[in-house]
Amino acid sequence: MRTKEARLETPSVRSTLGGVVGQIRAEQRWLNLMRLVVGGTTISWALFFAGMPWSNAGVPLPSFEMSSSLRFVLLITATFGSCAYWIVWRPTLRHETSWEFIRVVFGATLVIRTPGQFKSRLGAECGRRKAGGEDAFSLLTIQLAGTTAREREADDERELERNIPALVVRNIARAGDVVAEGPDGEILVLALRASNDGRESMACRIAGRLDEATESFPVFDGARIGGATYPDDGLRPRDLLSAAREQAIDVRSYLETDEAA
């Protein structure tokens, strides 16, 4: 177990958690702006090509004919919106599936994902590497021993308090990793470009931070970490998830192994 002196050398998990909260709120603003841009661009392209709405009788509105100047405005708006999406948002979403893009447009988030989002991205990564032979990647599972009642200091923080475990893991994981809340108190991490050695290093680092976090968040007491690497432990999402869960060991076992090394 890490000594008290070692714990004091690094910022506490609670003190750094605010950064993740800020990241989530910034993402919400960023995605809401994207939804407005995508919605406005889609409407502009539709009106530019299809013309103005039709009446209930099924014939064009007789009193309104789209002028060339209005069509030009729609063209400029649609073109500007399309360019803005490809320059600003597309680089972040380039590895996401079309279905994931639709989910995000209709309200899904990316900082902490749902199980469905995670499995979709995991399947996409398996398919991408099978087709292109890209670098290996790893999957980590953090299984919580149980749920613990947590204090809620303010109404606007209650949702974040319920998501404390996932927020802590998101704070520990690398910026490019995919983190999701799984079922039954499980947290999933997709570590891109992490081989077996990289996976073990990440697991040890996460174990150390979770052991530290137990002092502030008892929900992590008794947590277990498991891992699997593509393609060594499986070629399909189901195989990787099963292997990671079967290989899960107690957090402190990772710490003892790291100290022995």
C-alpha atoms as a PDB file:
ATOM      1  CA  MET A   1       0.000   0.000   0.000  1.00  0.00           C
ATOM      2  CA  ARG A   2       1.231   3.480  -0.670  1.00  0.00           C
ATOM      3  CA  THR A   3       2.716   5.310   2.285  1.00  0.00           C
ATOM      4  CA  LYS A   4       1.197   8.420   3.798  1.00  0.00           C
ATOM      5  CA  GLU A   5       4.119  10.486   2.524  1.00  0.00           C
ATOM      6  CA  ALA A   6       3.587   9.224  -1.023  1.00  0.00           C
ATOM      7  CA  ARG A   7      -0.102  10.108  -0.829  1.00  0.00           C
ATOM      8  CA  LEU A   8       0.720  13.657   0.207  1.00  0.00           C
ATOM      9  CA  GLU A   9       3.011  14.170  -2.796  1.00  0.00           C
ATOM     10  CA  THR A  10       0.147  14.012  -5.293  1.00  0.00           C
ATOM     11  CA  PRO A  11      -3.019  16.136  -5.338  1.00  0.00           C
ATOM     12  CA  SER A  12      -5.977  14.358  -3.756  1.00  0.00           C
ATOM     13  CA  VAL A  13      -8.610  12.897  -6.029  1.00  0.00           C
ATOM     14  CA  ARG A  14     -11.247  15.125  -4.467  1.00  0.00           C
ATOM     15  CA  SER A  15      -9.221  18.269  -5.197  1.00  0.00           C
ATOM     16  CA  THR A  16      -8.704  17.340  -8.861  1.00  0.00           C
ATOM     17  CA  LEU A  17     -12.282  16.172  -9.434  1.00  0.00           C
ATOM     18  CA  GLY A  18     -13.379  19.713 -10.182  1.00  0.00           C
ATOM     19  CA  GLY A  19     -11.391  19.567 -13.404  1.00  0.00           C
ATOM     20  CA  VAL A  20     -13.504  16.677 -14.669  1.00  0.00           C
ATOM     21  CA  VAL A  21     -16.712  18.471 -13.682  1.00  0.00           C
ATOM     22  CA  GLY A  22     -15.530  21.516 -15.612  1.00  0.00           C
ATOM     23  CA  GLN A  23     -14.649  19.311 -18.577  1.00  0.00           C
ATOM     24  CA  ILE A  24     -18.149  17.811 -18.602  1.00  0.00           C
ATOM     25  CA  ARG A  25     -19.805  21.214 -18.465  1.00  0.00           C
ATOM     26  CA  ALA A  26     -17.552  22.536 -21.215  1.00  0.00           C
ATOM     27  CA  GLU A  27     -18.429  19.498 -23.321  1.00  0.00           C
ATOM     28  CA  GLN A  28     -22.132  20.141 -22.787  1.00  0.00           C
ATOM     29  CA  ARG A  29     -21.761  23.686 -24.110  1.00  0.00           C
ATOM     30  CA  TRP A  30     -19.581  22.462 -27.002  1.00  0.00           C
ATOM     31  CA  LEU A  31     -22.052  19.749 -28.008  1.00  0.00           C
ATOM     32  CA  ASN A  32     -25.089  22.014 -27.627  1.00  0.00           C
ATOM     33  CA  LEU A  33     -23.465  24.467 -30.031  1.00  0.00           C
ATOM     34  CA  MET A  34     -22.738  21.591 -32.414  1.00  0.00           C
ATOM     35  CA  ARG A  35     -26.386  20.509 -32.293  1.00  0.00           C
ATOM     36  CA  LEU A  36     -27.514  24.023 -33.174  1.00  0.00           C
ATOM     37  CA  VAL A  37     -25.045  24.194 -36.067  1.00  0.00           C
ATOM     38  CA  VAL A  38     -25.986  20.738 -37.389  1.00  0.00           C
ATOM     39  CA  GLY A  39     -29.708  21.463 -37.051  1.00  0.00           C
ATOM     40  CA  GLY A  40     -29.475  24.844 -38.754  1.00  0.00           C
ATOM     41  CA  THR A  41     -27.264  23.461 -41.520  1.00  0.00           C
ATOM     42  CA  THR A  42     -29.610  20.540 -42.196  1.00  0.00           C
ATOM     43  CA  ILE A  43     -32.629  22.845 -42.409  1.00  0.00           C
ATOM     44  CA  SER A  44     -30.793  25.274 -44.686  1.00  0.00           C
ATOM     45  CA  TRP A  45     -29.739  22.526 -47.111  1.00  0.00           C
ATOM     46  CA  ALA A  46     -33.263  21.062 -47.091  1.00  0.00           C
ATOM     47  CA  LEU A  47     -34.885  24.421 -47.867  1.00  0.00           C
ATOM     48  CA  PHE A  48     -32.280  25.228 -50.512  1.00  0.00           C
ATOM     49  CA  PHE A  49     -32.941  22.022 -52.463  1.00  0.00           C
ATOM     50  CA  ALA A  50     -36.621  21.385 -51.697  1.00  0.00           C
ATOM     51  CA  GLY A  51     -37.992  24.907 -51.498  1.00  0.00           C
ATOM     52  CA  MET A  52     -40.450  26.281 -48.935  1.00  0.00           C
ATOM     53  CA  PRO A  53     -42.962  24.141 -46.997  1.00  0.00           C
ATOM     54  CA  TRP A  54     -46.046  22.770 -48.643  1.00  0.00           C
ATOM     55  CA  SER A  55     -49.582  23.549 -47.532  1.00  0.00           C
ATOM     56  CA  ASN A  56     -51.884  21.022 -45.913  1.00  0.00           C
ATOM     57  CA  ALA A  57     -53.655  20.557 -49.253  1.00  0.00           C
ATOM     58  CA  GLY A  58     -50.468  19.192 -50.807  1.00  0.00           C
ATOM     59  CA  VAL A  59     -49.742  22.099 -53.164  1.00  0.00           C
ATOM     60  CA  PRO A  60     -47.112  24.832 -52.917  1.00  0.00           C
ATOM     61  CA  LEU A  61     -48.144  27.931 -50.996  1.00  0.00           C
ATOM     62  CA  PRO A  62     -49.400  30.231 -53.765  1.00  0.00           C
ATOM     63  CA  SER A  63     -48.479  33.475 -52.064  1.00  0.00           C
ATOM     64  CA  PHE A  64     -44.841  32.654 -51.461  1.00  0.00           C
ATOM     65  CA  GLU A  65     -42.155  31.845 -53.975  1.00  0.00           C
ATOM     66  CA  MET A  66     -38.568  31.568 -52.855  1.00  0.00           C
ATOM     67  CA  SER A  67     -36.523  34.426 -54.263  1.00  0.00           C
ATOM     68  CA  SER A  68     -33.029  33.986 -55.614  1.00  0.00           C
ATOM     69  CA  SER A  69     -31.663  36.187 -52.817  1.00  0.00           C
ATOM     70  CA  LEU A  70     -33.203  33.924 -50.161  1.00  0.00           C
ATOM     71  CA  ARG A  71     -31.786  30.849 -51.864  1.00  0.00           C
ATOM     72  CA  PHE A  72     -28.386  32.532 -51.861  1.00  0.00           C
ATOM     73  CA  VAL A  73     -28.663  33.235 -48.098  1.00  0.00           C
ATOM     74  CA  LEU A  74     -29.620  29.601 -47.473  1.00  0.00           C
ATOM     75  CA  LEU A  75     -26.669  28.421 -49.571  1.00  0.00           C
ATOM     76  CA  ILE A  76     -24.230  30.632 -47.637  1.00  0.00           C
ATOM     77  CA  THR A  77     -25.679  29.519 -44.287  1.00  0.00           C
ATOM     78  CA  ALA A  78     -25.578  25.832 -45.208  1.00  0.00           C
ATOM     79  CA  THR A  79     -22.047  26.066 -46.589  1.00  0.00           C
ATOM     80  CA  PHE A  80     -20.775  27.948 -43.541  1.00  0.00           C
ATOM     81  CA  GLY A  81     -22.417  25.429 -41.173  1.00  0.00           C
ATOM     82  CA  SER A  82     -20.965  22.474 -43.059  1.00  0.00           C
ATOM     83  CA  CYS A  83     -17.464  23.949 -43.020  1.00  0.00           C
ATOM     84  CA  ALA A  84     -17.760  24.790 -39.316  1.00  0.00           C
ATOM     85  CA  TYR A  85     -18.735  21.202 -38.501  1.00  0.00           C
ATOM     86  CA  TRP A  86     -15.883  19.644 -40.491  1.00  0.00           C
ATOM     87  CA  ILE A  87     -13.288  22.032 -39.052  1.00  0.00           C
ATOM     88  CA  VAL A  88     -14.421  22.263 -35.409  1.00  0.00           C
ATOM     89  CA  TRP A  89     -16.320  19.082 -34.493  1.00  0.00           C
ATOM     90  CA  ARG A  90     -15.425  16.452 -37.063  1.00  0.00           C
ATOM     91  CA  PRO A  91     -11.805  15.954 -35.805  1.00  0.00           C
ATOM     92  CA  THR A  92     -13.166  14.815 -32.427  1.00  0.00           C
ATOM     93  CA  LEU A  93     -15.867  12.593 -33.925  1.00  0.00           C
ATOM     94  CA  ARG A  94     -13.811  11.112 -36.768  1.00  0.00           C
ATOM     95  CA  HIS A  95     -13.409   7.732 -35.017  1.00  0.00           C
ATOM     96  CA  GLU A  96     -17.058   7.525 -33.993  1.00  0.00           C
ATOM     97  CA  THR A  97     -19.607   5.511 -35.929  1.00  0.00           C
ATOM     98  CA  SER A  98     -22.490   7.134 -37.800  1.00  0.00           C
ATOM     99  CA  TRP A  99     -24.866   5.778 -35.182  1.00  0.00           C
ATOM    100  CA  GLU A 100     -22.779   7.347 -32.419  1.00  0.00           C
ATOM    101  CA  PHE A 101     -22.908  10.693 -34.224  1.00  0.00           C
ATOM    102  CA  ILE A 102     -26.708  10.460 -34.288  1.00  0.00           C
ATOM    103  CA  ARG A 103     -26.744   9.651 -30.569  1.00  0.00           C
ATOM    104  CA  VAL A 104     -24.593  12.676 -29.803  1.00  0.00           C
ATOM    105  CA  VAL A 105     -26.786  14.960 -31.907  1.00  0.00           C
ATOM    106  CA  PHE A 106     -29.828  13.796 -29.936  1.00  0.00           C
ATOM    107  CA  GLY A 107     -28.303  14.305 -26.503  1.00  0.00           C
ATOM    108  CA  ALA A 108     -25.589  11.716 -25.760  1.00  0.00           C
ATOM    109  CA  THR A 109     -22.275  12.781 -24.228  1.00  0.00           C
ATOM    110  CA  LEU A 110     -18.663  11.722 -24.828  1.00  0.00           C
ATOM    111  CA  VAL A 111     -16.709  12.404 -21.625  1.00  0.00           C
ATOM    112  CA  ILE A 112     -18.572   9.650 -19.744  1.00  0.00           C
ATOM    113  CA  ARG A 113     -20.518   7.292 -22.004  1.00  0.00           C
ATOM    114  CA  THR A 114     -23.353   4.857 -21.597  1.00  0.00           C
ATOM    115  CA  PRO A 115     -22.829   1.070 -21.924  1.00  0.00           C
ATOM    116  CA  GLY A 116     -24.400   1.163 -25.391  1.00  0.00           C
ATOM    117  CA  GLN A 117     -22.055   3.916 -26.551  1.00  0.00           C
ATOM    118  CA  PHE A 118     -19.059   2.060 -25.143  1.00  0.00           C
ATOM    119  CA  LYS A 119     -19.909  -1.246 -26.842  1.00  0.00           C
ATOM    120  CA  SER A 120     -20.476   0.571 -30.119  1.00  0.00           C
ATOM    121  CA  ARG A 121     -17.047   2.233 -29.927  1.00  0.00           C
ATOM    122  CA  LEU A 122     -15.409  -1.029 -28.795  1.00  0.00           C
ATOM    123  CA  GLY A 123     -16.925  -2.840 -31.776  1.00  0.00           C
ATOM    124  CA  ALA A 124     -15.742  -0.087 -34.114  1.00  0.00           C
ATOM    125  CA  GLU A 125     -12.185  -0.343 -32.760  1.00  0.00           C
ATOM    126  CA  CYS A 126     -12.183  -4.134 -33.220  1.00  0.00           C
ATOM    127  CA  GLY A 127     -13.401  -3.780 -36.796  1.00  0.00           C
ATOM    128  CA  ARG A 128     -10.937  -1.000 -37.586  1.00  0.00           C
ATOM    129  CA  ARG A 129      -7.951  -3.042 -36.431  1.00  0.00           C
ATOM    130  CA  LYS A 130      -9.161  -6.208 -38.084  1.00  0.00           C
ATOM    131  CA  ALA A 131      -9.415  -4.369 -41.406  1.00  0.00           C
ATOM    132  CA  GLY A 132      -6.304  -2.215 -41.164  1.00  0.00           C
ATOM    133  CA  GLY A 133      -4.001  -4.090 -38.790  1.00  0.00           C
ATOM    134  CA  GLU A 134      -3.506  -1.053 -36.566  1.00  0.00           C
ATOM    135  CA  ASP A 135      -1.900  -1.039 -33.129  1.00  0.00           C
ATOM    136  CA  ALA A 136      -3.301  -3.036 -30.247  1.00  0.00           C
ATOM    137  CA  PHE A 137      -5.633  -1.512 -27.679  1.00  0.00           C
ATOM    138  CA  SER A 138      -6.723  -2.555 -24.207  1.00  0.00           C
ATOM    139  CA  LEU A 139      -9.896  -2.731 -22.173  1.00  0.00           C
ATOM    140  CA  LEU A 140     -10.031  -2.160 -18.419  1.00  0.00           C
ATOM    141  CA  THR A 141     -12.954  -2.881 -16.116  1.00  0.00           C
ATOM    142  CA  ILE A 142     -13.324  -1.465 -12.619  1.00  0.00           C
ATOM    143  CA  GLN A 143     -15.887  -3.425 -10.629  1.00  0.00           C
ATOM    144  CA  LEU A 144     -17.143  -1.726  -7.483  1.00  0.00           C
ATOM    145  CA  ALA A 145     -17.822  -3.939  -4.490  1.00  0.00           C
ATOM    146  CA  GLY A 146     -21.113  -2.182  -3.750  1.00  0.00           C
ATOM    147  CA  THR A 147     -22.829   1.156  -3.503  1.00  0.00           C
ATOM    148  CA  THR A 148     -22.395   3.569  -0.628  1.00  0.00           C
ATOM    149  CA  ALA A 149     -24.645   6.421   0.371  1.00  0.00           C
ATOM    150  CA  ARG A 150     -22.948   9.684  -0.599  1.00  0.00           C
ATOM    151  CA  GLU A 151     -23.520  13.141   0.763  1.00  0.00           C
ATOM    152  CA  ARG A 152     -25.271  15.646  -1.510  1.00  0.00           C
ATOM    153  CA  GLU A 153     -24.433  19.205  -0.566  1.00  0.00           C
ATOM    154  CA  ALA A 154     -26.404  21.081  -3.222  1.00  0.00           C
ATOM    155  CA  ASP A 155     -29.269  20.319  -5.562  1.00  0.00           C
ATOM    156  CA  ASP A 156     -27.335  21.164  -8.726  1.00  0.00           C
ATOM    157  CA  GLU A 157     -24.553  18.751  -7.724  1.00  0.00           C
ATOM    158  CA  ARG A 158     -26.695  15.694  -7.043  1.00  0.00           C
ATOM    159  CA  GLU A 159     -26.351  14.228 -10.505  1.00  0.00           C
ATOM    160  CA  LEU A 160     -22.579  14.609 -10.374  1.00  0.00           C
ATOM    161  CA  GLU A 161     -22.459  13.042  -6.908  1.00  0.00           C
ATOM    162  CA  ARG A 162     -24.249   9.968  -8.222  1.00  0.00           C
ATOM    163  CA  ASN A 163     -21.603   9.744 -10.938  1.00  0.00           C
ATOM    164  CA  ILE A 164     -18.629  10.142  -8.583  1.00  0.00           C
ATOM    165  CA  PRO A 165     -17.045   6.720  -9.396  1.00  0.00           C
ATOM    166  CA  ALA A 166     -17.049   7.376 -13.149  1.00  0.00           C
ATOM    167  CA  LEU A 167     -15.818  10.938 -12.614  1.00  0.00           C
ATOM    168  CA  VAL A 168     -12.889   9.691 -10.543  1.00  0.00           C
ATOM    169  CA  VAL A 169     -11.893   7.124 -13.181  1.00  0.00           C
ATOM    170  CA  ARG A 170     -12.269   9.730 -15.936  1.00  0.00           C
ATOM    171  CA  ASN A 171      -9.882  11.954 -13.975  1.00  0.00           C
ATOM    172  CA  ILE A 172      -7.329   9.119 -13.748  1.00  0.00           C
ATOM    173  CA  ALA A 173      -7.571   7.883 -17.352  1.00  0.00           C
ATOM    174  CA  ARG A 174      -5.658   9.462 -20.225  1.00  0.00           C
ATOM    175  CA  ALA A 175      -7.244  12.241 -22.254  1.00  0.00           C
ATOM    176  CA  GLY A 176      -7.804  10.029 -25.319  1.00  0.00           C
ATOM    177  CA  ASP A 177      -9.250   7.050 -23.416  1.00  0.00           C
ATOM    178  CA  VAL A 178     -12.958   6.227 -23.559  1.00  0.00           C
ATOM    179  CA  VAL A 179     -14.691   5.930 -20.164  1.00  0.00           C
ATOM    180  CA  ALA A 180     -18.213   4.628 -19.576  1.00  0.00           C
ATOM    181  CA  GLU A 181     -20.523   3.725 -16.738  1.00  0.00           C
ATOM    182  CA  GLY A 182     -21.397   0.055 -17.091  1.00  0.00           C
ATOM    183  CA  PRO A 183     -24.125  -1.964 -15.377  1.00  0.00           C
ATOM    184  CA  ASP A 184     -24.057  -3.084 -11.728  1.00  0.00           C
ATOM    185  CA  GLY A 185     -21.437  -0.651 -10.490  1.00  0.00           C
ATOM    186  CA  GLU A 186     -18.935  -1.300 -13.270  1.00  0.00           C
ATOM    187  CA  ILE A 187     -16.776   1.325 -14.969  1.00  0.00           C
ATOM    188  CA  LEU A 188     -15.247   0.621 -18.373  1.00  0.00           C
ATOM    189  CA  VAL A 189     -12.114   2.132 -19.899  1.00  0.00           C
ATOM    190  CA  LEU A 190     -11.046   1.732 -23.521  1.00  0.00           C
ATOM    191  CA  ALA A 191      -7.303   2.449 -23.599  1.00  0.00           C
ATOM    192  CA  LEU A 192      -6.372   3.166 -27.210  1.00  0.00           C
ATOM    193  CA  ARG A 193      -2.887   2.222 -28.412  1.00  0.00           C
ATOM    194  CA  ALA A 194      -2.142   0.367 -25.155  1.00  0.00           C
ATOM    195  CA  SER A 195      -0.508  -3.069 -25.432  1.00  0.00           C
ATOM    196  CA  ASN A 196      -0.210  -5.623 -22.612  1.00  0.00           C
ATOM    197  CA  ASP A 197       2.616  -3.689 -20.939  1.00  0.00           C
ATOM    198  CA  GLY A 198       0.767  -0.427 -21.297  1.00  0.00           C
ATOM    199  CA  ARG A 199      -2.383  -2.003 -19.894  1.00  0.00           C
ATOM    200  CA  GLU A 200      -0.588  -3.259 -16.779  1.00  0.00           C
ATOM    201  CA  SER A 201       1.014   0.141 -16.254  1.00  0.00           C
ATOM    202  CA  MET A 202      -2.355   1.856 -16.524  1.00  0.00           C
ATOM    203  CA  ALA A 203      -3.990  -0.681 -14.194  1.00  0.00           C
ATOM    204  CA  CYS A 204      -1.328  -0.081 -11.542  1.00  0.00           C
ATOM    205  CA  ARG A 205      -1.697   3.675 -11.860  1.00  0.00           C
ATOM    206  CA  ILE A 206      -5.492   3.474 -11.620  1.00  0.00           C
ATOM    207  CA  ALA A 207      -5.220   1.099  -8.660  1.00  0.00           C
ATOM    208  CA  GLY A 208      -2.994   3.537  -6.796  1.00  0.00           C
ATOM    209  CA  ARG A 209      -5.347   6.452  -7.356  1.00  0.00           C
ATOM    210  CA  LEU A 210      -8.408   4.398  -6.432  1.00  0.00           C
ATOM    211  CA  ASP A 211      -6.708   3.291  -3.229  1.00  0.00           C
ATOM    212  CA  GLU A 212      -6.104   6.950  -2.463  1.00  0.00           C
ATOM    213  CA  ALA A 213      -9.679   7.839  -3.415  1.00  0.00           C
ATOM    214  CA  THR A 214     -11.057   5.287  -0.952  1.00  0.00           C
ATOM    215  CA  GLU A 215     -10.284   7.727   1.869  1.00  0.00           C
ATOM    216  CA  SER A 216     -12.691  10.291   0.390  1.00  0.00           C
ATOM    217  CA  PHE A 217     -15.041   7.922  -1.465  1.00  0.00           C
ATOM    218  CA  PRO A 218     -15.652   4.614   0.372  1.00  0.00           C
ATOM    219  CA  VAL A 219     -17.485   3.322  -2.704  1.00  0.00           C
ATOM    220  CA  PHE A 220     -14.059   2.270  -4.042  1.00  0.00           C
ATOM    221  CA  ASP A 221     -13.300   0.060  -1.057  1.00  0.00           C
ATOM    222  CA  GLY A 222     -12.977  -3.506  -2.338  1.00  0.00           C
ATOM    223  CA  ALA A 223     -12.914  -2.496  -6.011  1.00  0.00           C
ATOM    224  CA  ARG A 224     -11.472  -4.951  -8.521  1.00  0.00           C
ATOM    225  CA  ILE A 225      -9.628  -4.190 -11.772  1.00  0.00           C
ATOM    226  CA  GLY A 226      -9.502  -6.448 -14.789  1.00  0.00           C
ATOM    227  CA  GLY A 227      -7.991  -6.017 -18.219  1.00  0.00           C
ATOM    228  CA  ALA A 228      -7.821  -7.497 -21.703  1.00  0.00           C
ATOM    229  CA  THR A 229      -5.842  -6.595 -24.815  1.00  0.00           C
ATOM    230  CA  TYR A 230      -6.783  -6.882 -28.475  1.00  0.00           C
ATOM    231  CA  PRO A 231      -5.893  -9.244 -30.146  1.00  0.00           C
ATOM    232  CA  ASP A 232      -4.194 -11.355 -27.448  1.00  0.00           C
ATOM    233  CA  ASP A 233      -7.322 -11.802 -25.313  1.00  0.00           C
ATOM    234  CA  GLY A 234      -9.937 -11.789 -28.047  1.00  0.00           C
ATOM    235  CA  LEU A 235     -11.008 -10.355 -31.372  1.00  0.00           C
ATOM    236  CA  ARG A 236     -14.613  -9.481 -30.526  1.00  0.00           C
ATOM    237  CA  PRO A 237     -16.057  -7.053 -27.958  1.00  0.00           C
ATOM    238  CA  ARG A 238     -17.827  -9.881 -26.129  1.00  0.00           C
ATOM    239  CA  ASP A 239     -14.600 -11.875 -25.788  1.00  0.00           C
ATOM    240  CA  LEU A 240     -12.622  -8.888 -24.549  1.00  0.00           C
ATOM    241  CA  LEU A 241     -15.252  -7.955 -21.959  1.00  0.00           C
ATOM    242  CA  SER A 242     -15.440 -11.534 -20.695  1.00  0.00           C
ATOM    243  CA  ALA A 243     -11.653 -11.833 -20.439  1.00  0.00           C
ATOM    244  CA  ALA A 244     -11.328  -8.525 -18.578  1.00  0.00           C
ATOM    245  CA  ARG A 245     -14.014  -9.474 -16.065  1.00  0.00           C
ATOM    246  CA  GLU A 246     -12.572 -12.948 -15.502  1.00  0.00           C
ATOM    247  CA  GLN A 247      -9.078 -11.551 -14.869  1.00  0.00           C
ATOM    248  CA  ALA A 248     -10.243  -8.922 -12.374  1.00  0.00           C
ATOM    249  CA  ILE A 249      -8.290  -8.792  -9.110  1.00  0.00           C
ATOM    250  CA  ASP A 250      -8.462  -6.605  -6.011  1.00  0.00           C
ATOM    251  CA  VAL A 251      -7.023  -3.091  -6.310  1.00  0.00           C
ATOM    252  CA  ARG A 252      -4.499  -3.717  -3.554  1.00  0.00           C
ATOM    253  CA  SER A 253      -3.180  -6.788  -5.343  1.00  0.00           C
ATOM    254  CA  TYR A 254      -1.987  -4.511  -8.134  1.00  0.00           C
ATOM    255  CA  LEU A 255      -0.296  -2.283  -5.594  1.00  0.00           C
ATOM    256  CA  GLU A 256       1.448  -5.226  -3.916  1.00  0.00           C
ATOM    257  CA  THR A 257       2.625  -6.511  -7.313  1.00  0.00           C
ATOM    258  CA  ASP A 258       3.943  -3.082  -8.226  1.00  0.00           C
ATOM    259  CA  GLU A 259       5.821  -2.752  -4.927  1.00  0.00           C
ATOM    260  CA  ALA A 260       7.315  -6.235  -5.328  1.00  0.00           C
ATOM    261  CA  ALA A 261       8.567  -5.316  -8.797  1.00  0.00           C
END
